[in-house]
N, C-alpha and C. Protein backbone atom coordinates (compact mmCIF):
# COMPACT_ATOMS: atom_id res chain seq x y z
N MET A 1 -3.17 -15.85 7.08
CA MET A 1 -3.33 -14.40 6.99
C MET A 1 -4.80 -14.05 7.17
N ALA A 2 -5.07 -13.04 7.98
CA ALA A 2 -6.44 -12.59 8.18
C ALA A 2 -7.00 -12.04 6.86
N ILE A 3 -8.29 -11.93 6.80
CA ILE A 3 -8.98 -11.47 5.59
C ILE A 3 -9.55 -10.08 5.86
N VAL A 4 -9.23 -9.13 5.00
CA VAL A 4 -9.76 -7.79 5.13
C VAL A 4 -10.81 -7.57 4.04
N ILE A 5 -11.92 -6.99 4.44
CA ILE A 5 -12.97 -6.61 3.49
C ILE A 5 -12.95 -5.09 3.42
N LEU A 6 -12.71 -4.56 2.25
CA LEU A 6 -12.68 -3.11 2.07
C LEU A 6 -14.06 -2.63 1.66
N VAL A 7 -14.55 -1.61 2.35
CA VAL A 7 -15.87 -1.05 2.08
C VAL A 7 -15.71 0.45 1.91
N ARG A 8 -16.27 0.97 0.85
CA ARG A 8 -16.28 2.43 0.65
C ARG A 8 -17.50 2.99 1.36
N HIS A 9 -17.37 4.20 1.85
CA HIS A 9 -18.49 4.85 2.52
C HIS A 9 -19.65 5.05 1.55
N GLY A 10 -20.83 5.26 2.10
CA GLY A 10 -22.01 5.55 1.28
C GLY A 10 -21.94 6.95 0.68
N ARG A 11 -22.93 7.26 -0.15
CA ARG A 11 -22.97 8.57 -0.81
C ARG A 11 -23.08 9.69 0.22
N THR A 12 -22.40 10.78 -0.08
CA THR A 12 -22.37 11.92 0.84
C THR A 12 -23.01 13.14 0.21
N THR A 13 -23.16 14.14 1.03
CA THR A 13 -23.65 15.43 0.56
C THR A 13 -22.71 16.00 -0.50
N ALA A 14 -21.40 15.79 -0.34
CA ALA A 14 -20.42 16.28 -1.33
C ALA A 14 -20.54 15.50 -2.63
N ASN A 15 -20.69 14.17 -2.54
CA ASN A 15 -20.86 13.36 -3.76
C ASN A 15 -22.06 13.86 -4.54
N ALA A 16 -23.16 14.07 -3.83
CA ALA A 16 -24.41 14.47 -4.49
C ALA A 16 -24.32 15.85 -5.12
N SER A 17 -23.46 16.71 -4.58
CA SER A 17 -23.35 18.06 -5.13
C SER A 17 -22.14 18.25 -6.04
N GLY A 18 -21.38 17.17 -6.30
CA GLY A 18 -20.27 17.25 -7.25
C GLY A 18 -19.02 17.89 -6.71
N LEU A 19 -18.79 17.80 -5.39
CA LEU A 19 -17.59 18.37 -4.79
C LEU A 19 -16.58 17.29 -4.46
N LEU A 20 -15.30 17.63 -4.54
CA LEU A 20 -14.24 16.75 -4.08
C LEU A 20 -14.03 17.05 -2.61
N ALA A 21 -14.62 16.24 -1.75
CA ALA A 21 -14.64 16.51 -0.31
C ALA A 21 -13.26 16.40 0.32
N GLY A 22 -12.51 15.39 -0.08
CA GLY A 22 -11.21 15.18 0.55
C GLY A 22 -11.36 14.96 2.04
N ARG A 23 -10.61 15.72 2.81
CA ARG A 23 -10.60 15.56 4.27
C ARG A 23 -11.47 16.58 4.99
N GLN A 24 -12.32 17.28 4.26
CA GLN A 24 -13.16 18.30 4.88
C GLN A 24 -14.03 17.70 5.99
N ALA A 25 -14.11 18.42 7.09
CA ALA A 25 -15.00 18.01 8.18
C ALA A 25 -16.44 18.32 7.80
N GLY A 26 -17.35 17.59 8.40
CA GLY A 26 -18.77 17.86 8.21
C GLY A 26 -19.39 17.26 6.96
N VAL A 27 -18.65 16.43 6.25
CA VAL A 27 -19.21 15.76 5.07
C VAL A 27 -19.83 14.46 5.55
N LEU A 28 -21.15 14.44 5.56
CA LEU A 28 -21.90 13.32 6.12
C LEU A 28 -22.59 12.52 5.03
N LEU A 29 -23.01 11.31 5.38
CA LEU A 29 -23.84 10.53 4.47
C LEU A 29 -25.15 11.26 4.27
N ASP A 30 -25.61 11.31 3.02
CA ASP A 30 -26.95 11.84 2.77
C ASP A 30 -27.93 10.67 2.95
N GLU A 31 -29.21 10.89 2.66
CA GLU A 31 -30.21 9.83 2.86
C GLU A 31 -29.86 8.58 2.06
N THR A 32 -29.45 8.76 0.81
CA THR A 32 -29.07 7.61 -0.01
C THR A 32 -27.88 6.88 0.62
N GLY A 33 -26.88 7.62 1.07
CA GLY A 33 -25.71 7.04 1.71
C GLY A 33 -26.03 6.29 2.98
N GLN A 34 -26.98 6.80 3.74
CA GLN A 34 -27.40 6.10 4.96
C GLN A 34 -28.03 4.75 4.61
N VAL A 35 -28.83 4.73 3.56
CA VAL A 35 -29.44 3.48 3.10
C VAL A 35 -28.34 2.54 2.61
N GLN A 36 -27.39 3.06 1.85
CA GLN A 36 -26.29 2.23 1.35
C GLN A 36 -25.49 1.63 2.50
N ALA A 37 -25.20 2.42 3.52
CA ALA A 37 -24.45 1.92 4.67
C ALA A 37 -25.23 0.83 5.40
N LYS A 38 -26.52 1.06 5.56
CA LYS A 38 -27.38 0.05 6.21
C LYS A 38 -27.38 -1.24 5.40
N GLU A 39 -27.50 -1.12 4.07
CA GLU A 39 -27.50 -2.30 3.21
C GLU A 39 -26.16 -3.03 3.24
N ALA A 40 -25.07 -2.29 3.31
CA ALA A 40 -23.74 -2.93 3.42
C ALA A 40 -23.68 -3.72 4.72
N GLY A 41 -24.19 -3.12 5.80
CA GLY A 41 -24.22 -3.82 7.08
C GLY A 41 -25.05 -5.09 7.01
N GLU A 42 -26.19 -5.01 6.34
CA GLU A 42 -27.05 -6.19 6.21
C GLU A 42 -26.36 -7.29 5.41
N ARG A 43 -25.62 -6.91 4.37
CA ARG A 43 -24.91 -7.91 3.55
C ARG A 43 -23.80 -8.59 4.35
N LEU A 44 -23.21 -7.85 5.28
CA LEU A 44 -22.10 -8.40 6.07
C LEU A 44 -22.54 -8.89 7.45
N ALA A 45 -23.82 -8.85 7.72
CA ALA A 45 -24.33 -9.14 9.06
C ALA A 45 -23.92 -10.51 9.59
N THR A 46 -23.84 -11.50 8.74
CA THR A 46 -23.51 -12.85 9.21
C THR A 46 -22.04 -13.21 9.06
N VAL A 47 -21.26 -12.28 8.55
CA VAL A 47 -19.82 -12.51 8.46
C VAL A 47 -19.24 -12.28 9.85
N PRO A 48 -18.51 -13.25 10.39
CA PRO A 48 -17.98 -13.09 11.75
C PRO A 48 -16.81 -12.11 11.79
N LEU A 49 -17.13 -10.84 11.90
CA LEU A 49 -16.09 -9.81 11.89
C LEU A 49 -15.36 -9.77 13.24
N ALA A 50 -14.04 -9.80 13.17
CA ALA A 50 -13.23 -9.71 14.37
C ALA A 50 -12.98 -8.25 14.75
N ALA A 51 -13.05 -7.36 13.77
CA ALA A 51 -12.81 -5.93 14.00
C ALA A 51 -13.41 -5.14 12.85
N VAL A 52 -13.70 -3.89 13.15
CA VAL A 52 -14.09 -2.92 12.12
C VAL A 52 -13.19 -1.72 12.33
N VAL A 53 -12.42 -1.38 11.30
CA VAL A 53 -11.46 -0.28 11.37
C VAL A 53 -11.83 0.72 10.28
N THR A 54 -11.76 2.00 10.61
CA THR A 54 -12.22 3.01 9.67
C THR A 54 -11.36 4.27 9.70
N SER A 55 -11.43 5.00 8.63
CA SER A 55 -10.89 6.35 8.58
C SER A 55 -11.65 7.18 9.61
N PRO A 56 -11.04 8.23 10.14
CA PRO A 56 -11.75 9.07 11.10
C PRO A 56 -12.77 10.04 10.47
N LEU A 57 -12.85 10.08 9.15
CA LEU A 57 -13.80 10.99 8.51
C LEU A 57 -15.23 10.58 8.86
N GLU A 58 -16.09 11.56 9.09
CA GLU A 58 -17.45 11.29 9.57
C GLU A 58 -18.20 10.31 8.69
N ARG A 59 -18.09 10.48 7.37
CA ARG A 59 -18.82 9.60 6.46
C ARG A 59 -18.37 8.15 6.59
N CYS A 60 -17.10 7.96 6.86
CA CYS A 60 -16.56 6.61 7.03
C CYS A 60 -16.98 6.03 8.38
N VAL A 61 -16.93 6.84 9.42
CA VAL A 61 -17.36 6.40 10.75
C VAL A 61 -18.84 6.03 10.72
N GLN A 62 -19.66 6.82 10.02
CA GLN A 62 -21.09 6.50 9.90
C GLN A 62 -21.28 5.14 9.22
N THR A 63 -20.55 4.90 8.15
CA THR A 63 -20.67 3.65 7.42
C THR A 63 -20.20 2.48 8.28
N ALA A 64 -19.06 2.63 8.94
CA ALA A 64 -18.54 1.57 9.81
C ALA A 64 -19.50 1.27 10.95
N ALA A 65 -20.09 2.29 11.52
CA ALA A 65 -21.04 2.09 12.62
C ALA A 65 -22.26 1.31 12.16
N ALA A 66 -22.72 1.60 10.95
CA ALA A 66 -23.87 0.87 10.40
C ALA A 66 -23.54 -0.60 10.20
N ILE A 67 -22.33 -0.88 9.79
CA ILE A 67 -21.90 -2.27 9.59
C ILE A 67 -21.76 -2.98 10.93
N ALA A 68 -21.09 -2.34 11.87
CA ALA A 68 -20.85 -2.96 13.18
C ALA A 68 -22.14 -3.17 13.96
N SER A 69 -23.10 -2.27 13.80
CA SER A 69 -24.31 -2.33 14.63
C SER A 69 -25.20 -3.52 14.33
N VAL A 70 -25.10 -4.08 13.14
CA VAL A 70 -25.96 -5.22 12.78
C VAL A 70 -25.20 -6.53 12.69
N ASN A 71 -23.90 -6.50 12.96
CA ASN A 71 -23.12 -7.73 12.84
C ASN A 71 -23.46 -8.68 13.97
N VAL A 72 -23.75 -9.92 13.61
CA VAL A 72 -24.19 -10.92 14.59
C VAL A 72 -23.12 -11.96 14.85
N SER A 73 -21.88 -11.54 14.77
CA SER A 73 -20.77 -12.46 14.99
C SER A 73 -20.87 -13.11 16.36
N ALA A 74 -20.70 -14.42 16.37
CA ALA A 74 -20.71 -15.16 17.63
C ALA A 74 -19.43 -14.90 18.42
N ASP A 75 -18.38 -14.48 17.74
CA ASP A 75 -17.09 -14.29 18.41
C ASP A 75 -16.94 -12.92 19.08
N VAL A 76 -17.71 -11.96 18.65
CA VAL A 76 -17.52 -10.60 19.14
C VAL A 76 -18.87 -10.02 19.56
N SER A 77 -18.94 -9.53 20.77
CA SER A 77 -20.15 -8.83 21.17
C SER A 77 -19.82 -7.36 21.34
N GLY A 78 -20.72 -6.51 20.94
CA GLY A 78 -20.49 -5.07 21.05
C GLY A 78 -19.34 -4.60 20.18
N LEU A 79 -19.31 -5.01 18.93
CA LEU A 79 -18.24 -4.63 18.00
C LEU A 79 -18.25 -3.11 17.82
N GLU A 80 -17.18 -2.47 18.22
CA GLU A 80 -17.05 -1.01 18.10
C GLU A 80 -16.02 -0.67 17.03
N PRO A 81 -16.39 0.16 16.06
CA PRO A 81 -15.41 0.55 15.05
C PRO A 81 -14.23 1.30 15.67
N GLN A 82 -13.05 1.01 15.17
CA GLN A 82 -11.83 1.69 15.60
C GLN A 82 -11.41 2.63 14.48
N THR A 83 -10.99 3.82 14.82
CA THR A 83 -10.52 4.75 13.78
C THR A 83 -9.00 4.72 13.71
N ASP A 84 -8.50 4.98 12.52
CA ASP A 84 -7.06 5.03 12.29
C ASP A 84 -6.79 6.19 11.33
N ASP A 85 -6.06 7.18 11.80
CA ASP A 85 -5.74 8.35 10.98
C ASP A 85 -4.99 8.00 9.70
N ALA A 86 -4.26 6.90 9.71
CA ALA A 86 -3.50 6.50 8.53
C ALA A 86 -4.40 6.05 7.39
N LEU A 87 -5.66 5.79 7.69
CA LEU A 87 -6.61 5.36 6.66
C LEU A 87 -7.44 6.52 6.11
N VAL A 88 -7.08 7.73 6.47
CA VAL A 88 -7.82 8.90 6.01
C VAL A 88 -7.68 9.08 4.49
N GLU A 89 -8.62 9.78 3.93
CA GLU A 89 -8.65 10.11 2.50
C GLU A 89 -7.34 10.74 2.04
N CYS A 90 -7.10 10.69 0.78
CA CYS A 90 -5.95 11.35 0.17
C CYS A 90 -5.99 12.85 0.51
N ASP A 91 -4.83 13.44 0.69
CA ASP A 91 -4.75 14.88 0.91
C ASP A 91 -4.73 15.54 -0.46
N TYR A 92 -5.89 16.05 -0.85
CA TYR A 92 -6.01 16.69 -2.16
C TYR A 92 -5.52 18.13 -2.16
N GLY A 93 -5.05 18.61 -1.04
CA GLY A 93 -4.48 19.95 -0.95
C GLY A 93 -5.44 21.02 -1.46
N ASP A 94 -4.97 21.80 -2.42
CA ASP A 94 -5.75 22.91 -2.96
C ASP A 94 -7.00 22.47 -3.71
N TRP A 95 -7.10 21.22 -4.05
CA TRP A 95 -8.27 20.72 -4.76
C TRP A 95 -9.43 20.43 -3.82
N GLN A 96 -9.14 20.23 -2.56
CA GLN A 96 -10.18 19.86 -1.60
C GLN A 96 -11.31 20.89 -1.57
N GLY A 97 -12.54 20.38 -1.64
CA GLY A 97 -13.72 21.24 -1.56
C GLY A 97 -14.13 21.89 -2.87
N ARG A 98 -13.37 21.65 -3.93
CA ARG A 98 -13.69 22.26 -5.22
C ARG A 98 -14.65 21.39 -6.01
N GLU A 99 -15.33 22.01 -6.96
CA GLU A 99 -16.26 21.28 -7.83
C GLU A 99 -15.48 20.39 -8.78
N ILE A 100 -15.93 19.17 -8.92
CA ILE A 100 -15.28 18.22 -9.80
C ILE A 100 -15.34 18.68 -11.25
N LYS A 101 -16.46 19.30 -11.65
CA LYS A 101 -16.55 19.75 -13.04
C LYS A 101 -15.51 20.84 -13.34
N ALA A 102 -15.14 21.64 -12.36
CA ALA A 102 -14.08 22.64 -12.57
C ALA A 102 -12.71 21.96 -12.58
N LEU A 103 -12.51 20.99 -11.70
CA LEU A 103 -11.24 20.27 -11.66
C LEU A 103 -11.00 19.49 -12.96
N ALA A 104 -12.07 18.99 -13.56
CA ALA A 104 -11.96 18.20 -14.79
C ALA A 104 -11.40 19.02 -15.95
N LYS A 105 -11.41 20.34 -15.84
CA LYS A 105 -10.88 21.21 -16.88
C LYS A 105 -9.39 21.48 -16.71
N GLU A 106 -8.83 21.07 -15.57
CA GLU A 106 -7.42 21.31 -15.32
C GLU A 106 -6.56 20.23 -15.96
N LYS A 107 -5.36 20.62 -16.39
CA LYS A 107 -4.44 19.70 -17.06
C LYS A 107 -4.14 18.47 -16.19
N LEU A 108 -3.98 18.67 -14.89
CA LEU A 108 -3.64 17.57 -13.98
C LEU A 108 -4.74 16.52 -13.91
N TRP A 109 -5.98 16.91 -14.20
CA TRP A 109 -7.10 15.96 -14.13
C TRP A 109 -6.87 14.77 -15.07
N LYS A 110 -6.35 15.06 -16.25
CA LYS A 110 -6.10 13.98 -17.22
C LYS A 110 -5.07 13.00 -16.67
N VAL A 111 -4.09 13.51 -15.95
CA VAL A 111 -3.08 12.64 -15.35
C VAL A 111 -3.72 11.81 -14.23
N VAL A 112 -4.56 12.43 -13.43
CA VAL A 112 -5.27 11.72 -12.35
C VAL A 112 -6.04 10.54 -12.93
N GLN A 113 -6.68 10.75 -14.06
CA GLN A 113 -7.49 9.70 -14.68
C GLN A 113 -6.65 8.64 -15.39
N ALA A 114 -5.57 9.04 -16.05
CA ALA A 114 -4.78 8.12 -16.87
C ALA A 114 -3.63 7.45 -16.12
N GLN A 115 -3.00 8.19 -15.21
CA GLN A 115 -1.83 7.65 -14.51
C GLN A 115 -1.79 8.22 -13.09
N PRO A 116 -2.70 7.76 -12.22
CA PRO A 116 -2.80 8.33 -10.88
C PRO A 116 -1.51 8.25 -10.07
N SER A 117 -0.68 7.25 -10.32
CA SER A 117 0.56 7.12 -9.55
C SER A 117 1.55 8.25 -9.83
N ALA A 118 1.32 9.02 -10.88
CA ALA A 118 2.21 10.13 -11.23
C ALA A 118 1.74 11.46 -10.66
N VAL A 119 0.64 11.45 -9.92
CA VAL A 119 0.02 12.70 -9.48
C VAL A 119 0.54 13.15 -8.12
N GLU A 120 0.83 14.45 -8.04
CA GLU A 120 1.01 15.10 -6.74
C GLU A 120 0.02 16.25 -6.72
N PHE A 121 -0.93 16.18 -5.80
CA PHE A 121 -1.95 17.21 -5.74
C PHE A 121 -1.34 18.50 -5.22
N PRO A 122 -1.66 19.63 -5.84
CA PRO A 122 -1.09 20.92 -5.42
C PRO A 122 -1.38 21.17 -3.94
N GLY A 123 -0.32 21.28 -3.15
CA GLY A 123 -0.48 21.50 -1.72
C GLY A 123 -0.89 20.25 -0.96
N GLY A 124 -0.89 19.09 -1.62
CA GLY A 124 -1.33 17.84 -0.99
C GLY A 124 -0.28 16.76 -1.09
N GLU A 125 -0.73 15.52 -1.16
CA GLU A 125 0.19 14.39 -1.21
C GLU A 125 0.13 13.70 -2.56
N THR A 126 1.06 12.80 -2.77
CA THR A 126 1.07 12.01 -3.99
C THR A 126 0.25 10.75 -3.75
N MET A 127 -0.18 10.14 -4.83
CA MET A 127 -0.89 8.87 -4.71
C MET A 127 0.02 7.80 -4.10
N PRO A 128 1.29 7.70 -4.50
CA PRO A 128 2.15 6.71 -3.85
C PRO A 128 2.31 6.93 -2.34
N GLN A 129 2.33 8.20 -1.90
CA GLN A 129 2.39 8.47 -0.46
C GLN A 129 1.13 7.95 0.23
N MET A 130 -0.03 8.22 -0.37
CA MET A 130 -1.28 7.74 0.20
C MET A 130 -1.28 6.21 0.23
N GLN A 131 -0.87 5.60 -0.86
CA GLN A 131 -0.85 4.15 -0.95
C GLN A 131 0.05 3.55 0.13
N ALA A 132 1.24 4.08 0.31
CA ALA A 132 2.17 3.56 1.31
C ALA A 132 1.59 3.70 2.71
N ARG A 133 1.00 4.85 3.00
CA ARG A 133 0.40 5.11 4.30
C ARG A 133 -0.72 4.11 4.59
N ALA A 134 -1.62 3.96 3.64
CA ALA A 134 -2.77 3.08 3.84
C ALA A 134 -2.36 1.61 3.88
N ALA A 135 -1.45 1.20 3.00
CA ALA A 135 -1.01 -0.20 2.98
C ALA A 135 -0.30 -0.57 4.27
N THR A 136 0.50 0.33 4.81
CA THR A 136 1.17 0.07 6.09
C THR A 136 0.14 -0.10 7.20
N ALA A 137 -0.88 0.73 7.21
CA ALA A 137 -1.93 0.63 8.22
C ALA A 137 -2.69 -0.69 8.09
N VAL A 138 -3.03 -1.08 6.88
CA VAL A 138 -3.75 -2.34 6.67
C VAL A 138 -2.90 -3.52 7.14
N ARG A 139 -1.62 -3.51 6.82
CA ARG A 139 -0.74 -4.60 7.26
C ARG A 139 -0.67 -4.66 8.79
N ARG A 140 -0.59 -3.49 9.42
CA ARG A 140 -0.52 -3.42 10.89
C ARG A 140 -1.79 -4.00 11.51
N HIS A 141 -2.94 -3.58 11.01
CA HIS A 141 -4.21 -4.10 11.55
C HIS A 141 -4.38 -5.58 11.24
N ASP A 142 -3.97 -5.98 10.06
CA ASP A 142 -4.07 -7.39 9.68
C ASP A 142 -3.27 -8.26 10.64
N ALA A 143 -2.06 -7.86 10.95
CA ALA A 143 -1.21 -8.62 11.88
C ALA A 143 -1.83 -8.67 13.27
N ARG A 144 -2.39 -7.54 13.72
CA ARG A 144 -3.02 -7.50 15.04
C ARG A 144 -4.24 -8.41 15.09
N VAL A 145 -5.10 -8.32 14.09
CA VAL A 145 -6.31 -9.14 14.06
C VAL A 145 -5.94 -10.62 14.00
N GLU A 146 -4.96 -10.96 13.18
CA GLU A 146 -4.54 -12.36 13.09
C GLU A 146 -3.98 -12.85 14.42
N ALA A 147 -3.16 -12.02 15.08
CA ALA A 147 -2.58 -12.42 16.37
C ALA A 147 -3.66 -12.62 17.43
N GLU A 148 -4.69 -11.78 17.39
CA GLU A 148 -5.75 -11.85 18.41
C GLU A 148 -6.83 -12.88 18.09
N HIS A 149 -7.11 -13.12 16.79
CA HIS A 149 -8.27 -13.94 16.42
C HIS A 149 -7.96 -15.12 15.50
N GLY A 150 -6.72 -15.27 15.08
CA GLY A 150 -6.35 -16.39 14.24
C GLY A 150 -6.21 -16.04 12.78
N ALA A 151 -5.63 -16.97 12.04
CA ALA A 151 -5.25 -16.73 10.65
C ALA A 151 -6.42 -16.55 9.70
N HIS A 152 -7.61 -17.02 10.09
CA HIS A 152 -8.75 -16.91 9.19
C HIS A 152 -9.77 -15.86 9.65
N ALA A 153 -9.32 -15.00 10.56
CA ALA A 153 -10.20 -13.94 11.05
C ALA A 153 -10.52 -12.97 9.92
N VAL A 154 -11.70 -12.39 10.00
CA VAL A 154 -12.16 -11.43 9.00
C VAL A 154 -12.34 -10.08 9.69
N TRP A 155 -11.87 -9.07 9.05
CA TRP A 155 -12.06 -7.74 9.63
C TRP A 155 -12.39 -6.74 8.56
């Protein structure tokens, strides 16, 4: 089975200002996030990555590009990140773009923190829906990477 390394994007303008960005367009890495993405790339630079797959959100694409740009894998030249819509952030529905400190006062927030699998975001998706979507995508990419690069490929 191929090996997947999960990397979270660097800090964003929304993180720094206390907003739940969700799927909002235009949420980019801030200066700290750019440094974090560069450092993640440096840590993974010698890992022979067979592929880099990312959510289509700008902050994720920025992070993936930073990782791919410094990877010195002997097996892959010109590693280009691939986007997959199935790996996009949870659909927070009506919560998207709101301040986290305001959301923390809502009754549902306690459920999000204590039992996330029981949450359905107003106007959005459930955590189990997100999990199924993302897990299916990871399995699909894992099978593809393994078929193309072998059982011990890293992506």
